[in-house]
C-alpha atoms as a PDB file:
ATOM      1  CA  SER A   1     -20.300  23.314 -26.862  1.00  0.00           C
ATOM      2  CA  ALA A   2     -17.098  23.295 -24.862  1.00  0.00           C
ATOM      3  CA  THR A   3     -18.827  24.564 -21.725  1.00  0.00           C
ATOM      4  CA  ASP A   4     -20.859  21.396 -21.251  1.00  0.00           C
ATOM      5  CA  PRO A   5     -17.961  19.031 -20.439  1.00  0.00           C
ATOM      6  CA  VAL A   6     -16.162  21.768 -18.511  1.00  0.00           C
ATOM      7  CA  THR A   7     -19.204  22.257 -16.298  1.00  0.00           C
ATOM      8  CA  VAL A   8     -19.726  18.528 -15.829  1.00  0.00           C
ATOM      9  CA  LEU A   9     -16.053  17.993 -14.985  1.00  0.00           C
ATOM     10  CA  ALA A  10     -16.121  20.858 -12.475  1.00  0.00           C
ATOM     11  CA  ILE A  11     -19.160  19.335 -10.787  1.00  0.00           C
ATOM     12  CA  PHE A  12     -17.531  15.880 -10.831  1.00  0.00           C
ATOM     13  CA  LYS A  13     -14.410  17.299  -9.184  1.00  0.00           C
ATOM     14  CA  GLU A  14     -16.458  19.064  -6.509  1.00  0.00           C
ATOM     15  CA  LEU A  15     -18.491  15.927  -5.771  1.00  0.00           C
ATOM     16  CA  LYS A  16     -15.333  13.767  -5.871  1.00  0.00           C
ATOM     17  CA  VAL A  17     -16.824  11.187  -8.230  1.00  0.00           C
ATOM     18  CA  ASP A  18     -14.975   8.063  -9.265  1.00  0.00           C
ATOM     19  CA  ALA A  19     -11.776   8.878 -11.184  1.00  0.00           C
ATOM     20  CA  SER A  20     -12.647   6.486 -14.022  1.00  0.00           C
ATOM     21  CA  LEU A  21     -15.949   8.293 -14.691  1.00  0.00           C
ATOM     22  CA  TYR A  22     -14.135  11.632 -14.675  1.00  0.00           C
ATOM     23  CA  SER A  23     -11.549  10.223 -17.099  1.00  0.00           C
ATOM     24  CA  MET A  24     -14.198   8.845 -19.448  1.00  0.00           C
ATOM     25  CA  VAL A  25     -16.085  12.137 -19.663  1.00  0.00           C
ATOM     26  CA  PHE A  26     -12.825  14.056 -20.128  1.00  0.00           C
ATOM     27  CA  GLY A  27     -11.606  11.630 -22.800  1.00  0.00           C
ATOM     28  CA  GLU A  28     -14.883  11.773 -24.702  1.00  0.00           C
ATOM     29  CA  SER A  29     -14.775  15.563 -24.639  1.00  0.00           C
ATOM     30  CA  VAL A  30     -11.193  15.679 -25.920  1.00  0.00           C
ATOM     31  CA  LEU A  31     -11.967  13.110 -28.618  1.00  0.00           C
ATOM     32  CA  ASN A  32     -14.960  15.133 -29.845  1.00  0.00           C
ATOM     33  CA  ASP A  33     -12.850  18.287 -29.985  1.00  0.00           C
ATOM     34  CA  ALA A  34     -10.060  16.513 -31.853  1.00  0.00           C
ATOM     35  CA  ILE A  35     -12.442  15.048 -34.431  1.00  0.00           C
ATOM     36  CA  ALA A  36     -14.030  18.463 -34.989  1.00  0.00           C
ATOM     37  CA  ILE A  37     -10.594  20.027 -35.567  1.00  0.00           C
ATOM     38  CA  VAL A  38      -9.541  17.304 -38.015  1.00  0.00           C
ATOM     39  CA  LEU A  39     -12.846  17.499 -39.910  1.00  0.00           C
ATOM     40  CA  TYR A  40     -12.650  21.290 -40.138  1.00  0.00           C
ATOM     41  CA  THR A  41      -9.026  21.204 -41.306  1.00  0.00           C
ATOM     42  CA  THR A  42      -9.793  18.551 -43.913  1.00  0.00           C
ATOM     43  CA  ALA A  43     -12.919  20.298 -45.201  1.00  0.00           C
ATOM     44  CA  SER A  44     -11.256  23.713 -45.358  1.00  0.00           C
ATOM     45  CA  ARG A  45      -8.623  22.386 -47.756  1.00  0.00           C
ATOM     46  CA  PHE A  46     -11.315  21.480 -50.276  1.00  0.00           C
ATOM     47  CA  ILE A  47     -13.392  24.683 -50.229  1.00  0.00           C
ATOM     48  CA  ASP A  48     -11.955  25.978 -53.509  1.00  0.00           C
ATOM     49  CA  LYS A  49     -11.959  22.635 -55.299  1.00  0.00           C
ATOM     50  CA  PRO A  50     -14.892  21.172 -57.210  1.00  0.00           C
ATOM     51  CA  LEU A  51     -16.571  18.129 -55.695  1.00  0.00           C
ATOM     52  CA  SER A  52     -15.294  14.990 -57.363  1.00  0.00           C
ATOM     53  CA  THR A  53     -14.732  11.391 -56.455  1.00  0.00           C
ATOM     54  CA  SER A  54     -10.977  11.911 -56.187  1.00  0.00           C
ATOM     55  CA  ALA A  55     -11.454  14.930 -53.875  1.00  0.00           C
ATOM     56  CA  VAL A  56     -13.747  12.901 -51.599  1.00  0.00           C
ATOM     57  CA  VAL A  57     -11.309   9.978 -51.507  1.00  0.00           C
ATOM     58  CA  LEU A  58      -8.425  12.376 -50.824  1.00  0.00           C
ATOM     59  CA  GLY A  59     -10.407  14.032 -48.020  1.00  0.00           C
ATOM     60  CA  ILE A  60     -11.271  10.724 -46.388  1.00  0.00           C
ATOM     61  CA  THR A  61      -7.665   9.541 -46.715  1.00  0.00           C
ATOM     62  CA  GLU A  62      -6.357  12.767 -45.193  1.00  0.00           C
ATOM     63  CA  PHE A  63      -8.842  12.515 -42.319  1.00  0.00           C
ATOM     64  CA  PHE A  64      -7.702   9.007 -41.433  1.00  0.00           C
ATOM     65  CA  LEU A  65      -4.005   9.811 -41.823  1.00  0.00           C
ATOM     66  CA  ILE A  66      -4.284  12.791 -39.470  1.00  0.00           C
ATOM     67  CA  SER A  67      -6.375  10.745 -37.026  1.00  0.00           C
ATOM     68  CA  ILE A  68      -3.984   7.788 -37.027  1.00  0.00           C
ATOM     69  CA  GLY A  69      -0.976  10.111 -36.677  1.00  0.00           C
ATOM     70  CA  SER A  70      -2.611  11.882 -33.750  1.00  0.00           C
ATOM     71  CA  VAL A  71      -3.407   8.607 -32.005  1.00  0.00           C
ATOM     72  CA  ALA A  72       0.172   7.428 -32.565  1.00  0.00           C
ATOM     73  CA  VAL A  73       1.566  10.629 -31.036  1.00  0.00           C
ATOM     74  CA  GLY A  74      -0.815  10.235 -28.081  1.00  0.00           C
ATOM     75  CA  ILE A  75       0.243   6.648 -27.501  1.00  0.00           C
ATOM     76  CA  ILE A  76       3.936   7.535 -27.690  1.00  0.00           C
ATOM     77  CA  VAL A  77       3.571  10.467 -25.288  1.00  0.00           C
ATOM     78  CA  GLY A  78       1.482   8.318 -22.923  1.00  0.00           C
ATOM     79  CA  LEU A  79       4.053   5.530 -22.920  1.00  0.00           C
ATOM     80  CA  LEU A  80       6.922   7.953 -22.374  1.00  0.00           C
ATOM     81  CA  SER A  81       5.017   9.581 -19.515  1.00  0.00           C
ATOM     82  CA  ALA A  82       4.418   6.180 -17.923  1.00  0.00           C
ATOM     83  CA  ILE A  83       8.099   5.290 -18.256  1.00  0.00           C
ATOM     84  CA  VAL A  84       9.220   8.602 -16.760  1.00  0.00           C
ATOM     85  CA  ARG A  85       6.752   8.259 -13.911  1.00  0.00           C
ATOM     86  CA  THR A  86       7.791   4.672 -13.214  1.00  0.00           C
ATOM     87  CA  THR A  87      11.506   5.451 -13.226  1.00  0.00           C
ATOM     88  CA  SER A  88      11.109   8.587 -11.105  1.00  0.00           C
ATOM     89  CA  SER A  89       9.080   6.770  -8.427  1.00  0.00           C
ATOM     90  CA  ASN A  90      11.776   4.105  -7.915  1.00  0.00           C
END
């Protein structure tokens, strides 16, 4: 449920816990949500199709392609953000 990490993060913020713990809980929550979205999207494409070996392989391939693409976009955006922050602080 989405309310669990939201509640925990709100309590962490109020108690001013270590930033790395806050980041880990937030990251785990976002990762779980992202995996659920990718799994749902992948599975929904195969609802009308009969279960076969090729459909399973295609589903697994699509899952990993979407996951790898998402991670690549995240890395690129993170690097660009770091560059912008570094250049704007100088």
